[in-house]
Amino acid sequence: MHNLLIPKNLVDAIVLQLKKEYRELSCSRIKIIDLERSIRKVIPDPIIACKVSRETQKAFDQLAEKTYRFTRDELLRACVLDCLKRHGEVTK
């Protein structure tokens, strides 16, 4: 392995130049990513929720994940729609 001797004044000049470039980059307003602000819905989607016992939650999770291979919200949505359909309340 060879030792490369660089004069100290050259190293100082390089460091100064790098510091200057860093300051210029950090001070300038470079647009790296074009972000779009999220738009709030005027009318948010309705939510149906209720409190249940831990046992009921576990049973529902088991039914969703193991039996139907759905997420909780998918199964609950299907149950609500099925209930309304049975009572003739669903309109598309």
N, C-alpha and C. Protein backbone atom coordinates (compact mmCIF):
# COMPACT_ATOMS: atom_id res chain seq x y z
N MET A 1 0.84 -1.17 0.00
CA MET A 1 0.00 0.00 0.00
C MET A 1 0.89 1.24 0.00
N HIS A 2 0.56 2.20 -0.84
CA HIS A 2 1.36 3.42 -0.94
C HIS A 2 0.70 4.54 -0.16
N ASN A 3 1.53 5.29 0.48
CA ASN A 3 1.03 6.48 1.15
C ASN A 3 1.06 7.63 0.17
N LEU A 4 -0.05 8.29 0.01
CA LEU A 4 -0.13 9.41 -0.90
C LEU A 4 -0.06 10.68 -0.07
N LEU A 5 0.94 11.48 -0.34
CA LEU A 5 1.11 12.72 0.41
C LEU A 5 0.45 13.86 -0.35
N ILE A 6 -0.54 14.47 0.26
CA ILE A 6 -1.23 15.60 -0.33
C ILE A 6 -0.88 16.82 0.51
N PRO A 7 -0.44 17.87 -0.14
CA PRO A 7 -0.07 19.07 0.61
C PRO A 7 -1.26 19.58 1.42
N LYS A 8 -0.96 20.06 2.64
CA LYS A 8 -2.00 20.53 3.54
C LYS A 8 -2.81 21.67 2.93
N ASN A 9 -2.18 22.58 2.21
CA ASN A 9 -2.92 23.69 1.63
C ASN A 9 -3.92 23.21 0.58
N LEU A 10 -3.59 22.10 -0.12
CA LEU A 10 -4.51 21.54 -1.10
C LEU A 10 -5.72 20.91 -0.39
N VAL A 11 -5.46 20.19 0.70
CA VAL A 11 -6.53 19.60 1.49
C VAL A 11 -7.43 20.70 2.04
N ASP A 12 -6.84 21.77 2.55
CA ASP A 12 -7.63 22.89 3.08
C ASP A 12 -8.48 23.52 1.99
N ALA A 13 -7.94 23.65 0.80
CA ALA A 13 -8.68 24.24 -0.32
C ALA A 13 -9.86 23.35 -0.70
N ILE A 14 -9.65 22.04 -0.72
CA ILE A 14 -10.73 21.10 -1.05
C ILE A 14 -11.82 21.15 0.01
N VAL A 15 -11.43 21.16 1.27
CA VAL A 15 -12.39 21.22 2.37
C VAL A 15 -13.20 22.50 2.29
N LEU A 16 -12.53 23.63 2.03
CA LEU A 16 -13.22 24.91 1.90
C LEU A 16 -14.23 24.88 0.76
N GLN A 17 -13.83 24.33 -0.37
CA GLN A 17 -14.72 24.24 -1.53
C GLN A 17 -15.93 23.36 -1.22
N LEU A 18 -15.70 22.23 -0.55
CA LEU A 18 -16.80 21.35 -0.19
C LEU A 18 -17.76 22.02 0.78
N LYS A 19 -17.22 22.74 1.76
CA LYS A 19 -18.06 23.46 2.71
C LYS A 19 -18.90 24.51 2.00
N LYS A 20 -18.29 25.21 1.04
CA LYS A 20 -19.00 26.24 0.29
C LYS A 20 -20.14 25.62 -0.52
N GLU A 21 -19.86 24.52 -1.21
CA GLU A 21 -20.89 23.85 -1.99
C GLU A 21 -22.00 23.32 -1.11
N TYR A 22 -21.65 22.80 0.06
CA TYR A 22 -22.65 22.30 1.00
C TYR A 22 -23.56 23.43 1.47
N ARG A 23 -22.97 24.58 1.80
CA ARG A 23 -23.76 25.74 2.24
C ARG A 23 -24.70 26.20 1.13
N GLU A 24 -24.20 26.23 -0.09
CA GLU A 24 -25.04 26.65 -1.22
C GLU A 24 -26.21 25.69 -1.42
N LEU A 25 -25.93 24.39 -1.30
CA LEU A 25 -26.99 23.40 -1.48
C LEU A 25 -28.02 23.47 -0.35
N SER A 26 -27.54 23.62 0.87
CA SER A 26 -28.48 23.63 1.99
C SER A 26 -29.24 24.94 2.08
N CYS A 27 -28.70 26.03 1.54
CA CYS A 27 -29.39 27.31 1.57
C CYS A 27 -30.35 27.46 0.41
N SER A 28 -30.06 26.83 -0.70
CA SER A 28 -30.95 26.98 -1.86
C SER A 28 -32.17 26.10 -1.67
N ARG A 29 -33.24 26.51 -2.30
CA ARG A 29 -34.50 25.77 -2.20
C ARG A 29 -34.63 24.82 -3.39
N ILE A 30 -33.89 23.73 -3.32
CA ILE A 30 -33.95 22.75 -4.39
C ILE A 30 -35.18 21.87 -4.17
N LYS A 31 -35.98 21.73 -5.19
CA LYS A 31 -37.18 20.91 -5.09
C LYS A 31 -36.79 19.49 -5.47
N ILE A 32 -36.67 18.63 -4.47
CA ILE A 32 -36.25 17.25 -4.70
C ILE A 32 -37.46 16.38 -5.06
N ILE A 33 -38.54 16.55 -4.32
CA ILE A 33 -39.74 15.73 -4.53
C ILE A 33 -40.92 16.67 -4.77
N ASP A 34 -41.74 16.33 -5.71
CA ASP A 34 -42.94 17.11 -5.96
C ASP A 34 -44.08 16.48 -5.17
N LEU A 35 -44.49 17.14 -4.08
CA LEU A 35 -45.54 16.62 -3.22
C LEU A 35 -46.85 17.32 -3.51
N GLU A 36 -47.90 16.55 -3.49
CA GLU A 36 -49.23 17.13 -3.63
C GLU A 36 -49.90 17.08 -2.27
N ARG A 37 -50.50 18.19 -1.90
CA ARG A 37 -51.21 18.22 -0.63
C ARG A 37 -52.45 17.34 -0.72
N SER A 38 -52.72 16.64 0.38
CA SER A 38 -53.90 15.80 0.38
C SER A 38 -55.15 16.67 0.41
N ILE A 39 -56.16 16.19 -0.25
CA ILE A 39 -57.41 16.93 -0.31
C ILE A 39 -58.41 16.23 0.60
N ARG A 40 -58.97 16.99 1.53
CA ARG A 40 -59.96 16.41 2.43
C ARG A 40 -61.28 16.25 1.70
N LYS A 41 -61.93 15.15 1.99
CA LYS A 41 -63.24 14.94 1.41
C LYS A 41 -64.21 15.91 2.05
N VAL A 42 -65.09 16.45 1.25
CA VAL A 42 -66.10 17.36 1.78
C VAL A 42 -67.03 16.60 2.71
N ILE A 43 -67.45 15.42 2.27
CA ILE A 43 -68.28 14.56 3.10
C ILE A 43 -67.51 13.27 3.32
N PRO A 44 -67.02 13.03 4.55
CA PRO A 44 -66.24 11.81 4.79
C PRO A 44 -67.12 10.56 4.69
N ASP A 45 -66.47 9.44 4.40
CA ASP A 45 -67.20 8.18 4.32
C ASP A 45 -67.76 7.84 5.71
N PRO A 46 -69.01 7.38 5.78
CA PRO A 46 -69.58 7.01 7.08
C PRO A 46 -68.89 5.78 7.66
N ILE A 47 -68.88 5.70 8.97
CA ILE A 47 -68.24 4.58 9.67
C ILE A 47 -69.25 3.96 10.61
N ILE A 48 -69.34 2.63 10.58
CA ILE A 48 -70.16 1.90 11.54
C ILE A 48 -69.20 1.23 12.50
N ALA A 49 -69.39 1.47 13.79
CA ALA A 49 -68.51 0.88 14.81
C ALA A 49 -69.33 0.57 16.05
N CYS A 50 -68.87 -0.41 16.82
CA CYS A 50 -69.53 -0.73 18.09
C CYS A 50 -68.52 -1.39 19.01
N LYS A 51 -68.81 -1.33 20.29
CA LYS A 51 -67.95 -2.00 21.26
C LYS A 51 -68.48 -3.40 21.50
N VAL A 52 -67.57 -4.35 21.59
CA VAL A 52 -67.93 -5.74 21.87
C VAL A 52 -66.96 -6.30 22.90
N SER A 53 -67.31 -7.45 23.45
CA SER A 53 -66.41 -8.10 24.42
C SER A 53 -65.18 -8.64 23.69
N ARG A 54 -64.14 -8.91 24.45
CA ARG A 54 -62.92 -9.47 23.86
C ARG A 54 -63.19 -10.82 23.19
N GLU A 55 -64.07 -11.61 23.81
CA GLU A 55 -64.39 -12.92 23.25
C GLU A 55 -65.08 -12.78 21.89
N THR A 56 -66.01 -11.81 21.81
CA THR A 56 -66.70 -11.58 20.54
C THR A 56 -65.72 -11.12 19.47
N GLN A 57 -64.79 -10.23 19.86
CA GLN A 57 -63.78 -9.74 18.91
C GLN A 57 -62.90 -10.88 18.42
N LYS A 58 -62.47 -11.75 19.34
CA LYS A 58 -61.63 -12.90 18.96
C LYS A 58 -62.38 -13.83 18.02
N ALA A 59 -63.65 -14.09 18.32
CA ALA A 59 -64.45 -14.98 17.48
C ALA A 59 -64.63 -14.36 16.09
N PHE A 60 -64.88 -13.05 16.04
CA PHE A 60 -65.06 -12.36 14.76
C PHE A 60 -63.76 -12.39 13.95
N ASP A 61 -62.64 -12.13 14.63
CA ASP A 61 -61.34 -12.19 13.95
C ASP A 61 -61.07 -13.58 13.40
N GLN A 62 -61.37 -14.59 14.19
CA GLN A 62 -61.18 -15.98 13.75
C GLN A 62 -62.02 -16.26 12.52
N LEU A 63 -63.28 -15.83 12.55
CA LEU A 63 -64.17 -16.02 11.43
C LEU A 63 -63.65 -15.31 10.18
N ALA A 64 -63.21 -14.08 10.36
CA ALA A 64 -62.71 -13.29 9.22
C ALA A 64 -61.45 -13.89 8.63
N GLU A 65 -60.47 -14.14 9.49
CA GLU A 65 -59.15 -14.54 9.01
C GLU A 65 -59.08 -16.01 8.60
N LYS A 66 -59.61 -16.88 9.43
CA LYS A 66 -59.45 -18.32 9.18
C LYS A 66 -60.53 -18.89 8.27
N THR A 67 -61.78 -18.53 8.52
CA THR A 67 -62.87 -19.13 7.76
C THR A 67 -63.02 -18.50 6.38
N TYR A 68 -63.10 -17.17 6.35
CA TYR A 68 -63.36 -16.49 5.08
C TYR A 68 -62.12 -15.89 4.43
N ARG A 69 -61.03 -15.83 5.17
CA ARG A 69 -59.78 -15.21 4.70
C ARG A 69 -60.02 -13.78 4.22
N PHE A 70 -60.73 -13.03 5.04
CA PHE A 70 -61.00 -11.61 4.82
C PHE A 70 -60.33 -10.80 5.90
N THR A 71 -60.29 -9.50 5.70
CA THR A 71 -59.90 -8.61 6.80
C THR A 71 -61.16 -8.35 7.62
N ARG A 72 -60.99 -7.79 8.81
CA ARG A 72 -62.14 -7.48 9.66
C ARG A 72 -63.13 -6.58 8.94
N ASP A 73 -62.61 -5.51 8.33
CA ASP A 73 -63.51 -4.55 7.69
C ASP A 73 -64.24 -5.16 6.50
N GLU A 74 -63.58 -6.05 5.75
CA GLU A 74 -64.25 -6.70 4.63
C GLU A 74 -65.40 -7.57 5.11
N LEU A 75 -65.17 -8.33 6.19
CA LEU A 75 -66.21 -9.20 6.72
C LEU A 75 -67.36 -8.38 7.30
N LEU A 76 -67.05 -7.34 8.06
CA LEU A 76 -68.10 -6.51 8.64
C LEU A 76 -68.93 -5.84 7.55
N ARG A 77 -68.26 -5.33 6.52
CA ARG A 77 -68.97 -4.71 5.39
C ARG A 77 -69.90 -5.73 4.73
N ALA A 78 -69.42 -6.96 4.52
CA ALA A 78 -70.24 -8.00 3.91
C ALA A 78 -71.42 -8.37 4.81
N CYS A 79 -71.20 -8.42 6.12
CA CYS A 79 -72.28 -8.75 7.06
C CYS A 79 -73.37 -7.67 7.04
N VAL A 80 -72.96 -6.41 7.05
CA VAL A 80 -73.92 -5.31 7.03
C VAL A 80 -74.72 -5.33 5.74
N LEU A 81 -74.04 -5.47 4.61
CA LEU A 81 -74.74 -5.52 3.32
C LEU A 81 -75.69 -6.71 3.23
N ASP A 82 -75.25 -7.87 3.74
CA ASP A 82 -76.09 -9.06 3.72
C ASP A 82 -77.33 -8.85 4.58
N CYS A 83 -77.17 -8.26 5.74
CA CYS A 83 -78.30 -7.99 6.64
C CYS A 83 -79.30 -7.04 5.97
N LEU A 84 -78.79 -5.99 5.37
CA LEU A 84 -79.67 -5.03 4.70
C LEU A 84 -80.36 -5.67 3.48
N LYS A 85 -79.63 -6.50 2.78
CA LYS A 85 -80.19 -7.18 1.61
C LYS A 85 -81.33 -8.11 2.03
N ARG A 86 -81.13 -8.83 3.13
CA ARG A 86 -82.16 -9.74 3.62
C ARG A 86 -83.43 -8.99 4.02
N HIS A 87 -83.26 -7.77 4.46
CA HIS A 87 -84.41 -6.97 4.87
C HIS A 87 -84.91 -6.07 3.75
N GLY A 88 -84.35 -6.23 2.56
CA GLY A 88 -84.81 -5.49 1.40
C GLY A 88 -84.49 -4.01 1.45
N GLU A 89 -83.41 -3.63 2.14
CA GLU A 89 -83.09 -2.22 2.31
C GLU A 89 -81.95 -1.75 1.41
N VAL A 90 -81.32 -2.66 0.67
CA VAL A 90 -80.16 -2.28 -0.13
C VAL A 90 -80.61 -1.83 -1.52
N THR A 91 -80.14 -0.67 -1.91
CA THR A 91 -80.35 -0.19 -3.27
C THR A 91 -78.98 0.10 -3.84
N LYS A 92 -78.76 -0.27 -5.08
CA LYS A 92 -77.43 -0.07 -5.67
C LYS A 92 -77.30 1.23 -6.37
